[in-house]
Amino acid sequence: PLPALAGIAAVLAASQTTYDLIWKPSKIAPAVEDVTSGSARTT
């Protein structure tokens, strides 16, 4: 399992890092989360 788990962990880490560094600060991620979440936010 070690080689497979290392590859899976690398993809997981890369996806979370990309989300935190690029998508979340770009205001695109919060907009997508607002549209796709089950509950509507009130402002």
PDB file of all heavy atoms in Angstrom:
ATOM      1  N   PRO A   1       0.788  -1.229   0.000  1.00  0.00           N
ATOM      2  CA  PRO A   1       0.000   0.000   0.000  1.00  0.00           C
ATOM      3  C   PRO A   1       0.823   1.283   0.000  1.00  0.00           C
ATOM      4  O   PRO A   1       0.297   2.337  -0.332  1.00  0.00           O
ATOM      5  CB  PRO A   1      -0.805  -0.117   1.290  1.00  0.00           C
ATOM      6  CG  PRO A   1       0.058  -0.932   2.196  1.00  0.00           C
ATOM      7  CD  PRO A   1       0.761  -1.905   1.290  1.00  0.00           C
ATOM      8  N   LEU A   2       2.096   1.207   0.337  1.00  0.00           N
ATOM      9  CA  LEU A   2       2.863   2.440   0.513  1.00  0.00           C
ATOM     10  C   LEU A   2       2.987   3.283  -0.752  1.00  0.00           C
ATOM     11  O   LEU A   2       2.720   4.491  -0.706  1.00  0.00           O
ATOM     12  CB  LEU A   2       4.241   2.121   1.090  1.00  0.00           C
ATOM     13  CG  LEU A   2       5.010   3.313   1.655  1.00  0.00           C
ATOM     14  CD1 LEU A   2       4.176   4.044   2.705  1.00  0.00           C
ATOM     15  CD2 LEU A   2       6.307   2.860   2.257  1.00  0.00           C
ATOM     16  N   PRO A   3       3.365   2.735  -1.908  1.00  0.00           N
ATOM     17  CA  PRO A   3       3.448   3.586  -3.104  1.00  0.00           C
ATOM     18  C   PRO A   3       2.096   4.177  -3.496  1.00  0.00           C
ATOM     19  O   PRO A   3       2.016   5.357  -3.867  1.00  0.00           O
ATOM     20  CB  PRO A   3       3.956   2.648  -4.198  1.00  0.00           C
ATOM     21  CG  PRO A   3       4.601   1.519  -3.486  1.00  0.00           C
ATOM     22  CD  PRO A   3       3.860   1.387  -2.190  1.00  0.00           C
ATOM     23  N   ALA A   4       1.054   3.392  -3.397  1.00  0.00           N
ATOM     24  CA  ALA A   4      -0.271   3.898  -3.754  1.00  0.00           C
ATOM     25  C   ALA A   4      -0.716   4.972  -2.776  1.00  0.00           C
ATOM     26  O   ALA A   4      -1.228   6.018  -3.179  1.00  0.00           O
ATOM     27  CB  ALA A   4      -1.271   2.748  -3.778  1.00  0.00           C
ATOM     28  N   LEU A   5      -0.510   4.743  -1.494  1.00  0.00           N
ATOM     29  CA  LEU A   5      -0.906   5.739  -0.496  1.00  0.00           C
ATOM     30  C   LEU A   5      -0.106   7.027  -0.632  1.00  0.00           C
ATOM     31  O   LEU A   5      -0.637   8.115  -0.399  1.00  0.00           O
ATOM     32  CB  LEU A   5      -0.756   5.164   0.912  1.00  0.00           C
ATOM     33  CG  LEU A   5      -1.758   4.076   1.286  1.00  0.00           C
ATOM     34  CD1 LEU A   5      -1.459   3.530   2.672  1.00  0.00           C
ATOM     35  CD2 LEU A   5      -3.179   4.601   1.219  1.00  0.00           C
ATOM     36  N   ALA A   6       1.150   6.921  -1.009  1.00  0.00           N
ATOM     37  CA  ALA A   6       1.969   8.124  -1.208  1.00  0.00           C
ATOM     38  C   ALA A   6       1.434   8.957  -2.368  1.00  0.00           C
ATOM     39  O   ALA A   6       1.356  10.190  -2.270  1.00  0.00           O
ATOM     40  CB  ALA A   6       3.422   7.730  -1.461  1.00  0.00           C
ATOM     41  N   GLY A   7       1.044   8.314  -3.435  1.00  0.00           N
ATOM     42  CA  GLY A   7       0.476   9.046  -4.570  1.00  0.00           C
ATOM     43  C   GLY A   7      -0.854   9.686  -4.239  1.00  0.00           C
ATOM     44  O   GLY A   7      -1.120  10.835  -4.586  1.00  0.00           O
ATOM     45  N   ILE A   8      -1.696   8.948  -3.527  1.00  0.00           N
ATOM     46  CA  ILE A   8      -3.002   9.482  -3.132  1.00  0.00           C
ATOM     47  C   ILE A   8      -2.814  10.661  -2.180  1.00  0.00           C
ATOM     48  O   ILE A   8      -3.476  11.694  -2.304  1.00  0.00           O
ATOM     49  CB  ILE A   8      -3.861   8.375  -2.502  1.00  0.00           C
ATOM     50  CG1 ILE A   8      -4.216   7.336  -3.568  1.00  0.00           C
ATOM     51  CG2 ILE A   8      -5.115   8.946  -1.863  1.00  0.00           C
ATOM     52  CD1 ILE A   8      -4.806   6.058  -3.014  1.00  0.00           C
ATOM     53  N   ALA A   9      -1.902  10.536  -1.230  1.00  0.00           N
ATOM     54  CA  ALA A   9      -1.641  11.626  -0.290  1.00  0.00           C
ATOM     55  C   ALA A   9      -1.092  12.859  -1.001  1.00  0.00           C
ATOM     56  O   ALA A   9      -1.431  13.990  -0.644  1.00  0.00           O
ATOM     57  CB  ALA A   9      -0.658  11.161   0.787  1.00  0.00           C
ATOM     58  N   ALA A  10      -0.264  12.652  -2.013  1.00  0.00           N
ATOM     59  CA  ALA A  10       0.273  13.786  -2.767  1.00  0.00           C
ATOM     60  C   ALA A  10      -0.826  14.537  -3.503  1.00  0.00           C
ATOM     61  O   ALA A  10      -0.857  15.775  -3.510  1.00  0.00           O
ATOM     62  CB  ALA A  10       1.341  13.303  -3.754  1.00  0.00           C
ATOM     63  N   VAL A  11      -1.758  13.814  -4.106  1.00  0.00           N
ATOM     64  CA  VAL A  11      -2.875  14.464  -4.801  1.00  0.00           C
ATOM     65  C   VAL A  11      -3.770  15.192  -3.807  1.00  0.00           C
ATOM     66  O   VAL A  11      -4.201  16.321  -4.050  1.00  0.00           O
ATOM     67  CB  VAL A  11      -3.681  13.435  -5.625  1.00  0.00           C
ATOM     68  CG1 VAL A  11      -4.961  14.038  -6.155  1.00  0.00           C
ATOM     69  CG2 VAL A  11      -2.836  12.895  -6.760  1.00  0.00           C
ATOM     70  N   LEU A  12      -4.038  14.569  -2.663  1.00  0.00           N
ATOM     71  CA  LEU A  12      -4.860  15.202  -1.638  1.00  0.00           C
ATOM     72  C   LEU A  12      -4.207  16.483  -1.129  1.00  0.00           C
ATOM     73  O   LEU A  12      -4.859  17.533  -1.025  1.00  0.00           O
ATOM     74  CB  LEU A  12      -5.103  14.226  -0.488  1.00  0.00           C
ATOM     75  CG  LEU A  12      -5.937  14.736   0.677  1.00  0.00           C
ATOM     76  CD1 LEU A  12      -7.330  15.102   0.202  1.00  0.00           C
ATOM     77  CD2 LEU A  12      -6.005  13.699   1.771  1.00  0.00           C
ATOM     78  N   ALA A  13      -2.916  16.423  -0.833  1.00  0.00           N
ATOM     79  CA  ALA A  13      -2.210  17.610  -0.346  1.00  0.00           C
ATOM     80  C   ALA A  13      -2.169  18.710  -1.397  1.00  0.00           C
ATOM     81  O   ALA A  13      -2.367  19.890  -1.080  1.00  0.00           O
ATOM     82  CB  ALA A  13      -0.787  17.219   0.073  1.00  0.00           C
ATOM     83  N   ALA A  14      -1.934  18.340  -2.638  1.00  0.00           N
ATOM     84  CA  ALA A  14      -1.887  19.344  -3.706  1.00  0.00           C
ATOM     85  C   ALA A  14      -3.240  20.004  -3.911  1.00  0.00           C
ATOM     86  O   ALA A  14      -3.324  21.225  -4.098  1.00  0.00           O
ATOM     87  CB  ALA A  14      -1.410  18.699  -5.006  1.00  0.00           C
ATOM     88  N   SER A  15      -4.317  19.227  -3.844  1.00  0.00           N
ATOM     89  CA  SER A  15      -5.642  19.811  -4.056  1.00  0.00           C
ATOM     90  C   SER A  15      -6.017  20.745  -2.915  1.00  0.00           C
ATOM     91  O   SER A  15      -6.564  21.824  -3.146  1.00  0.00           O
ATOM     92  CB  SER A  15      -6.697  18.721  -4.228  1.00  0.00           C
ATOM     93  OG  SER A  15      -6.886  18.019  -3.018  1.00  0.00           O
ATOM     94  N   GLN A  16      -5.723  20.374  -1.686  1.00  0.00           N
ATOM     95  CA  GLN A  16      -6.050  21.236  -0.556  1.00  0.00           C
ATOM     96  C   GLN A  16      -5.185  22.498  -0.551  1.00  0.00           C
ATOM     97  O   GLN A  16      -5.672  23.585  -0.239  1.00  0.00           O
ATOM     98  CB  GLN A  16      -5.883  20.472   0.754  1.00  0.00           C
ATOM     99  CG  GLN A  16      -6.913  19.387   0.946  1.00  0.00           C
ATOM    100  CD  GLN A  16      -8.330  19.926   0.893  1.00  0.00           C
ATOM    101  OE1 GLN A  16      -9.083  19.602  -0.017  1.00  0.00           O
ATOM    102  NE2 GLN A  16      -8.710  20.745   1.827  1.00  0.00           N
ATOM    103  N   THR A  17      -3.915  22.360  -0.912  1.00  0.00           N
ATOM    104  CA  THR A  17      -3.028  23.518  -0.975  1.00  0.00           C
ATOM    105  C   THR A  17      -3.472  24.485  -2.060  1.00  0.00           C
ATOM    106  O   THR A  17      -3.511  25.698  -1.852  1.00  0.00           O
ATOM    107  CB  THR A  17      -1.579  23.062  -1.230  1.00  0.00           C
ATOM    108  OG1 THR A  17      -1.192  22.175  -0.172  1.00  0.00           O
ATOM    109  CG2 THR A  17      -0.633  24.238  -1.281  1.00  0.00           C
ATOM    110  N   THR A  18      -3.847  23.958  -3.217  1.00  0.00           N
ATOM    111  CA  THR A  18      -4.338  24.806  -4.301  1.00  0.00           C
ATOM    112  C   THR A  18      -5.603  25.535  -3.887  1.00  0.00           C
ATOM    113  O   THR A  18      -5.756  26.729  -4.156  1.00  0.00           O
ATOM    114  CB  THR A  18      -4.613  23.955  -5.559  1.00  0.00           C
ATOM    115  OG1 THR A  18      -3.416  23.284  -5.925  1.00  0.00           O
ATOM    116  CG2 THR A  18      -5.096  24.806  -6.706  1.00  0.00           C
ATOM    117  N   TYR A  19      -6.486  24.844  -3.205  1.00  0.00           N
ATOM    118  CA  TYR A  19      -7.723  25.482  -2.741  1.00  0.00           C
ATOM    119  C   TYR A  19      -7.401  26.625  -1.781  1.00  0.00           C
ATOM    120  O   TYR A  19      -7.906  27.737  -1.931  1.00  0.00           O
ATOM    121  CB  TYR A  19      -8.624  24.462  -2.060  1.00  0.00           C
ATOM    122  CG  TYR A  19      -9.840  25.088  -1.412  1.00  0.00           C
ATOM    123  CD1 TYR A  19     -10.924  25.477  -2.180  1.00  0.00           C
ATOM    124  CD2 TYR A  19      -9.884  25.317  -0.041  1.00  0.00           C
ATOM    125  CE1 TYR A  19     -12.043  26.064  -1.601  1.00  0.00           C
ATOM    126  CE2 TYR A  19     -10.988  25.909   0.544  1.00  0.00           C
ATOM    127  CZ  TYR A  19     -12.059  26.279  -0.239  1.00  0.00           C
ATOM    128  OH  TYR A  19     -13.144  26.873   0.338  1.00  0.00           O
ATOM    129  N   ASP A  20      -6.547  26.355  -0.788  1.00  0.00           N
ATOM    130  CA  ASP A  20      -6.236  27.371   0.223  1.00  0.00           C
ATOM    131  C   ASP A  20      -5.452  28.552  -0.331  1.00  0.00           C
ATOM    132  O   ASP A  20      -5.659  29.689   0.089  1.00  0.00           O
ATOM    133  CB  ASP A  20      -5.450  26.749   1.378  1.00  0.00           C
ATOM    134  CG  ASP A  20      -6.332  25.867   2.256  1.00  0.00           C
ATOM    135  OD1 ASP A  20      -7.559  26.100   2.290  1.00  0.00           O
ATOM    136  OD2 ASP A  20      -5.786  24.959   2.908  1.00  0.00           O
ATOM    137  N   LEU A  21      -4.555  28.303  -1.283  1.00  0.00           N
ATOM    138  CA  LEU A  21      -3.691  29.379  -1.782  1.00  0.00           C
ATOM    139  C   LEU A  21      -4.259  30.147  -2.973  1.00  0.00           C
ATOM    140  O   LEU A  21      -3.943  31.319  -3.157  1.00  0.00           O
ATOM    141  CB  LEU A  21      -2.320  28.816  -2.162  1.00  0.00           C
ATOM    142  CG  LEU A  21      -1.485  28.271  -1.006  1.00  0.00           C
ATOM    143  CD1 LEU A  21      -0.176  27.687  -1.528  1.00  0.00           C
ATOM    144  CD2 LEU A  21      -1.196  29.357   0.016  1.00  0.00           C
ATOM    145  N   ILE A  22      -5.083  29.497  -3.787  1.00  0.00           N
ATOM    146  CA  ILE A  22      -5.544  30.143  -5.027  1.00  0.00           C
ATOM    147  C   ILE A  22      -7.047  30.380  -5.017  1.00  0.00           C
ATOM    148  O   ILE A  22      -7.508  31.507  -5.167  1.00  0.00           O
ATOM    149  CB  ILE A  22      -5.141  29.310  -6.253  1.00  0.00           C
ATOM    150  CG1 ILE A  22      -3.621  29.241  -6.352  1.00  0.00           C
ATOM    151  CG2 ILE A  22      -5.747  29.894  -7.526  1.00  0.00           C
ATOM    152  CD1 ILE A  22      -3.105  28.307  -7.409  1.00  0.00           C
ATOM    153  N   TRP A  23      -7.836  29.317  -4.851  1.00  0.00           N
ATOM    154  CA  TRP A  23      -9.279  29.444  -5.055  1.00  0.00           C
ATOM    155  C   TRP A  23      -9.977  30.185  -3.931  1.00  0.00           C
ATOM    156  O   TRP A  23     -10.837  31.022  -4.187  1.00  0.00           O
ATOM    157  CB  TRP A  23      -9.912  28.074  -5.265  1.00  0.00           C
ATOM    158  CG  TRP A  23      -9.438  27.455  -6.530  1.00  0.00           C
ATOM    159  CD1 TRP A  23      -8.599  26.393  -6.645  1.00  0.00           C
ATOM    160  CD2 TRP A  23      -9.716  27.893  -7.856  1.00  0.00           C
ATOM    161  NE1 TRP A  23      -8.339  26.129  -7.963  1.00  0.00           N
ATOM    162  CE2 TRP A  23      -9.026  27.047  -8.736  1.00  0.00           C
ATOM    163  CE3 TRP A  23     -10.480  28.918  -8.391  1.00  0.00           C
ATOM    164  CZ2 TRP A  23      -9.086  27.183 -10.103  1.00  0.00           C
ATOM    165  CZ3 TRP A  23     -10.542  29.050  -9.762  1.00  0.00           C
ATOM    166  CH2 TRP A  23      -9.849  28.189 -10.601  1.00  0.00           C
ATOM    167  N   LYS A  24      -9.640  29.897  -2.694  1.00  0.00           N
ATOM    168  CA  LYS A  24     -10.319  30.537  -1.581  1.00  0.00           C
ATOM    169  C   LYS A  24     -10.076  32.049  -1.554  1.00  0.00           C
ATOM    170  O   LYS A  24     -11.023  32.814  -1.414  1.00  0.00           O
ATOM    171  CB  LYS A  24      -9.887  29.887  -0.266  1.00  0.00           C
ATOM    172  CG  LYS A  24     -10.760  30.245   0.907  1.00  0.00           C
ATOM    173  CD  LYS A  24     -10.379  29.414   2.115  1.00  0.00           C
ATOM    174  CE  LYS A  24     -11.264  29.721   3.287  1.00  0.00           C
ATOM    175  NZ  LYS A  24     -10.890  28.910   4.447  1.00  0.00           N
ATOM    176  N   PRO A  25      -8.839  32.523  -1.708  1.00  0.00           N
ATOM    177  CA  PRO A  25      -8.624  33.985  -1.721  1.00  0.00           C
ATOM    178  C   PRO A  25      -9.180  34.681  -2.968  1.00  0.00           C
ATOM    179  O   PRO A  25      -9.397  35.886  -2.939  1.00  0.00           O
ATOM    180  CB  PRO A  25      -7.101  34.139  -1.675  1.00  0.00           C
ATOM    181  CG  PRO A  25      -6.571  32.839  -1.237  1.00  0.00           C
ATOM    182  CD  PRO A  25      -7.578  31.803  -1.647  1.00  0.00           C
ATOM    183  N   SER A  26      -9.427  33.946  -4.040  1.00  0.00           N
ATOM    184  CA  SER A  26      -9.868  34.577  -5.283  1.00  0.00           C
ATOM    185  C   SER A  26     -11.342  34.966  -5.275  1.00  0.00           C
ATOM    186  O   SER A  26     -11.818  35.575  -6.216  1.00  0.00           O
ATOM    187  CB  SER A  26      -9.622  33.644  -6.470  1.00  0.00           C
ATOM    188  OG  SER A  26     -10.549  32.578  -6.440  1.00  0.00           O
ATOM    189  N   LYS A  27     -12.060  34.616  -4.228  1.00  0.00           N
ATOM    190  CA  LYS A  27     -13.499  34.885  -4.097  1.00  0.00           C
ATOM    191  C   LYS A  27     -14.348  34.002  -5.011  1.00  0.00           C
ATOM    192  O   LYS A  27     -15.554  34.123  -5.021  1.00  0.00           O
ATOM    193  CB  LYS A  27     -13.844  36.365  -4.341  1.00  0.00           C
ATOM    194  CG  LYS A  27     -13.054  37.323  -3.501  1.00  0.00           C
ATOM    195  CD  LYS A  27     -13.407  37.187  -2.038  1.00  0.00           C
ATOM    196  CE  LYS A  27     -12.681  38.277  -1.258  1.00  0.00           C
ATOM    197  NZ  LYS A  27     -12.113  37.842  -0.035  1.00  0.00           N
ATOM    198  N   ILE A  28     -13.718  33.138  -5.788  1.00  0.00           N
ATOM    199  CA  ILE A  28     -14.474  32.211  -6.617  1.00  0.00           C
ATOM    200  C   ILE A  28     -15.022  31.079  -5.752  1.00  0.00           C
ATOM    201  O   ILE A  28     -16.191  30.713  -5.867  1.00  0.00           O
ATOM    202  CB  ILE A  28     -13.606  31.654  -7.767  1.00  0.00           C
ATOM    203  CG1 ILE A  28     -13.255  32.785  -8.727  1.00  0.00           C
ATOM    204  CG2 ILE A  28     -14.305  30.518  -8.492  1.00  0.00           C
ATOM    205  CD1 ILE A  28     -12.253  32.396  -9.783  1.00  0.00           C
ATOM    206  N   ALA A  29     -14.189  30.544  -4.869  1.00  0.00           N
ATOM    207  CA  ALA A  29     -14.616  29.429  -4.025  1.00  0.00           C
ATOM    208  C   ALA A  29     -15.797  29.801  -3.130  1.00  0.00           C
ATOM    209  O   ALA A  29     -16.770  29.044  -3.058  1.00  0.00           O
ATOM    210  CB  ALA A  29     -13.445  28.910  -3.196  1.00  0.00           C
ATOM    211  N   PRO A  30     -15.767  30.952  -2.436  1.00  0.00           N
ATOM    212  CA  PRO A  30     -16.935  31.292  -1.621  1.00  0.00           C
ATOM    213  C   PRO A  30     -18.213  31.453  -2.453  1.00  0.00           C
ATOM    214  O   PRO A  30     -19.295  31.078  -1.996  1.00  0.00           O
ATOM    215  CB  PRO A  30     -16.549  32.615  -0.960  1.00  0.00           C
ATOM    216  CG  PRO A  30     -15.062  32.585  -0.913  1.00  0.00           C
ATOM    217  CD  PRO A  30     -14.663  31.870  -2.166  1.00  0.00           C
ATOM    218  N   ALA A  31     -18.089  31.970  -3.659  1.00  0.00           N
ATOM    219  CA  ALA A  31     -19.272  32.112  -4.520  1.00  0.00           C
ATOM    220  C   ALA A  31     -19.818  30.748  -4.913  1.00  0.00           C
ATOM    221  O   ALA A  31     -21.030  30.525  -4.889  1.00  0.00           O
ATOM    222  CB  ALA A  31     -18.917  32.925  -5.763  1.00  0.00           C
ATOM    223  N   VAL A  32     -18.945  29.827  -5.248  1.00  0.00           N
ATOM    224  CA  VAL A  32     -19.380  28.472  -5.609  1.00  0.00           C
ATOM    225  C   VAL A  32     -19.996  27.785  -4.390  1.00  0.00           C
ATOM    226  O   VAL A  32     -21.022  27.116  -4.495  1.00  0.00           O
ATOM    227  CB  VAL A  32     -18.203  27.647  -6.175  1.00  0.00           C
ATOM    228  CG1 VAL A  32     -18.579  26.185  -6.329  1.00  0.00           C
ATOM    229  CG2 VAL A  32     -17.733  28.228  -7.481  1.00  0.00           C
ATOM    230  N   GLU A  33     -19.379  27.963  -3.220  1.00  0.00           N
ATOM    231  CA  GLU A  33     -19.912  27.360  -2.007  1.00  0.00           C
ATOM    232  C   GLU A  33     -21.297  27.918  -1.671  1.00  0.00           C
ATOM    233  O   GLU A  33     -22.174  27.186  -1.222  1.00  0.00           O
ATOM    234  CB  GLU A  33     -18.945  27.568  -0.850  1.00  0.00           C
ATOM    235  CG  GLU A  33     -17.679  26.747  -0.999  1.00  0.00           C
ATOM    236  CD  GLU A  33     -16.601  27.130  -0.002  1.00  0.00           C
ATOM    237  OE1 GLU A  33     -16.847  28.001   0.858  1.00  0.00           O
ATOM    238  OE2 GLU A  33     -15.508  26.554  -0.084  1.00  0.00           O
ATOM    239  N   ASP A  34     -21.497  29.206  -1.880  1.00  0.00           N
ATOM    240  CA  ASP A  34     -22.810  29.801  -1.637  1.00  0.00           C
ATOM    241  C   ASP A  34     -23.866  29.224  -2.571  1.00  0.00           C
ATOM    242  O   ASP A  34     -24.988  28.954  -2.160  1.00  0.00           O
ATOM    243  CB  ASP A  34     -22.766  31.323  -1.806  1.00  0.00           C
ATOM    244  CG  ASP A  34     -22.077  32.015  -0.641  1.00  0.00           C
ATOM    245  OD1 ASP A  34     -21.937  31.390   0.440  1.00  0.00           O
ATOM    246  OD2 ASP A  34     -21.678  33.186  -0.804  1.00  0.00           O
ATOM    247  N   VAL A  35     -23.509  29.032  -3.815  1.00  0.00           N
ATOM    248  CA  VAL A  35     -24.464  28.525  -4.795  1.00  0.00           C
ATOM    249  C   VAL A  35     -24.763  27.048  -4.558  1.00  0.00           C
ATOM    250  O   VAL A  35     -25.906  26.608  -4.699  1.00  0.00           O
ATOM    251  CB  VAL A  35     -23.933  28.743  -6.238  1.00  0.00           C
ATOM    252  CG1 VAL A  35     -24.791  28.031  -7.250  1.00  0.00           C
ATOM    253  CG2 VAL A  35     -23.853  30.225  -6.535  1.00  0.00           C
ATOM    254  N   THR A  36     -23.756  26.278  -4.175  1.00  0.00           N
ATOM    255  CA  THR A  36     -23.931  24.833  -4.071  1.00  0.00           C
ATOM    256  C   THR A  36     -24.318  24.335  -2.684  1.00  0.00           C
ATOM    257  O   THR A  36     -24.647  23.178  -2.534  1.00  0.00           O
ATOM    258  CB  THR A  36     -22.654  24.098  -4.509  1.00  0.00           C
ATOM    259  OG1 THR A  36     -21.572  24.519  -3.679  1.00  0.00           O
ATOM    260  CG2 THR A  36     -22.353  24.370  -5.967  1.00  0.00           C
ATOM    261  N   SER A  37     -24.261  25.198  -1.681  1.00  0.00           N
ATOM    262  CA  SER A  37     -24.622  24.743  -0.342  1.00  0.00           C
ATOM    263  C   SER A  37     -26.141  24.586  -0.241  1.00  0.00           C
ATOM    264  O   SER A  37     -26.902  25.262  -0.933  1.00  0.00           O
ATOM    265  CB  SER A  37     -24.121  25.720   0.719  1.00  0.00           C
ATOM    266  OG  SER A  37     -24.809  26.940   0.622  1.00  0.00           O
ATOM    267  N   GLY A  38     -26.563  23.719   0.645  1.00  0.00           N
ATOM    268  CA  GLY A  38     -27.990  23.448   0.786  1.00  0.00           C
ATOM    269  C   GLY A  38     -28.751  24.575   1.435  1.00  0.00           C
ATOM    270  O   GLY A  38     -29.938  24.751   1.217  1.00  0.00           O
ATOM    271  N   SER A  39     -28.081  25.376   2.241  1.00  0.00           N
ATOM    272  CA  SER A  39     -28.775  26.463   2.931  1.00  0.00           C
ATOM    273  C   SER A  39     -28.315  27.801   2.399  1.00  0.00           C
ATOM    274  O   SER A  39     -27.158  28.009   2.104  1.00  0.00           O
ATOM    275  CB  SER A  39     -28.503  26.393   4.435  1.00  0.00           C
ATOM    276  OG  SER A  39     -27.117  26.524   4.680  1.00  0.00           O
ATOM    277  N   ALA A  40     -29.251  28.706   2.275  1.00  0.00           N
ATOM    278  CA  ALA A  40     -28.926  30.042   1.769  1.00  0.00           C
ATOM    279  C   ALA A  40     -28.433  30.903   2.927  1.00  0.00           C
ATOM    280  O   ALA A  40     -28.963  30.871   4.026  1.00  0.00           O
ATOM    281  CB  ALA A  40     -30.154  30.674   1.135  1.00  0.00           C
ATOM    282  N   ARG A  41     -27.412  31.689   2.667  1.00  0.00           N
ATOM    283  CA  ARG A  41     -26.890  32.608   3.674  1.00  0.00           C
ATOM    284  C   ARG A  41     -27.651  33.925   3.593  1.00  0.00           C
ATOM    285  O   ARG A  41     -28.017  34.380   2.520  1.00  0.00           O
ATOM    286  CB  ARG A  41     -25.402  32.871   3.433  1.00  0.00           C
ATOM    287  CG  ARG A  41     -24.536  31.677   3.674  1.00  0.00           C
ATOM    288  CD  ARG A  41     -23.093  32.081   3.562  1.00  0.00           C
ATOM    289  NE  ARG A  41     -22.233  30.904   3.619  1.00  0.00           N
ATOM    290  CZ  ARG A  41     -20.931  30.963   3.498  1.00  0.00           C
ATOM    291  NH1 ARG A  41     -20.326  32.087   3.298  1.00  0.00           N
ATOM    292  NH2 ARG A  41     -20.218  29.861   3.561  1.00  0.00           N
ATOM    293  N   THR A  42     -27.812  34.515   4.729  1.00  0.00           N
ATOM    294  CA  THR A  42     -28.455  35.833   4.748  1.00  0.00           C
ATOM    295  C   THR A  42     -27.404  36.874   5.084  1.00  0.00           C
ATOM    296  O   THR A  42     -26.513  36.639   5.886  1.00  0.00           O
ATOM    297  CB  THR A  42     -29.586  35.889   5.790  1.00  0.00           C
ATOM    298  OG1 THR A  42     -29.041  35.579   7.079  1.00  0.00           O
ATOM    299  CG2 THR A  42     -30.677  34.907   5.439  1.00  0.00           C
ATOM    300  N   THR A  43     -27.480  38.008   4.455  1.00  0.00           N
ATOM    301  CA  THR A  43     -26.529  39.078   4.708  1.00  0.00           C
ATOM    302  C   THR A  43     -27.262  40.260   5.309  1.00  0.00           C
ATOM    303  O   THR A  43     -28.400  40.544   4.998  1.00  0.00           O
ATOM    304  CB  THR A  43     -25.837  39.537   3.401  1.00  0.00           C
ATOM    305  OG1 THR A  43     -26.831  39.928   2.477  1.00  0.00           O
ATOM    306  CG2 THR A  43     -24.996  38.416   2.821  1.00  0.00           C
TER     307      THR A  43
END
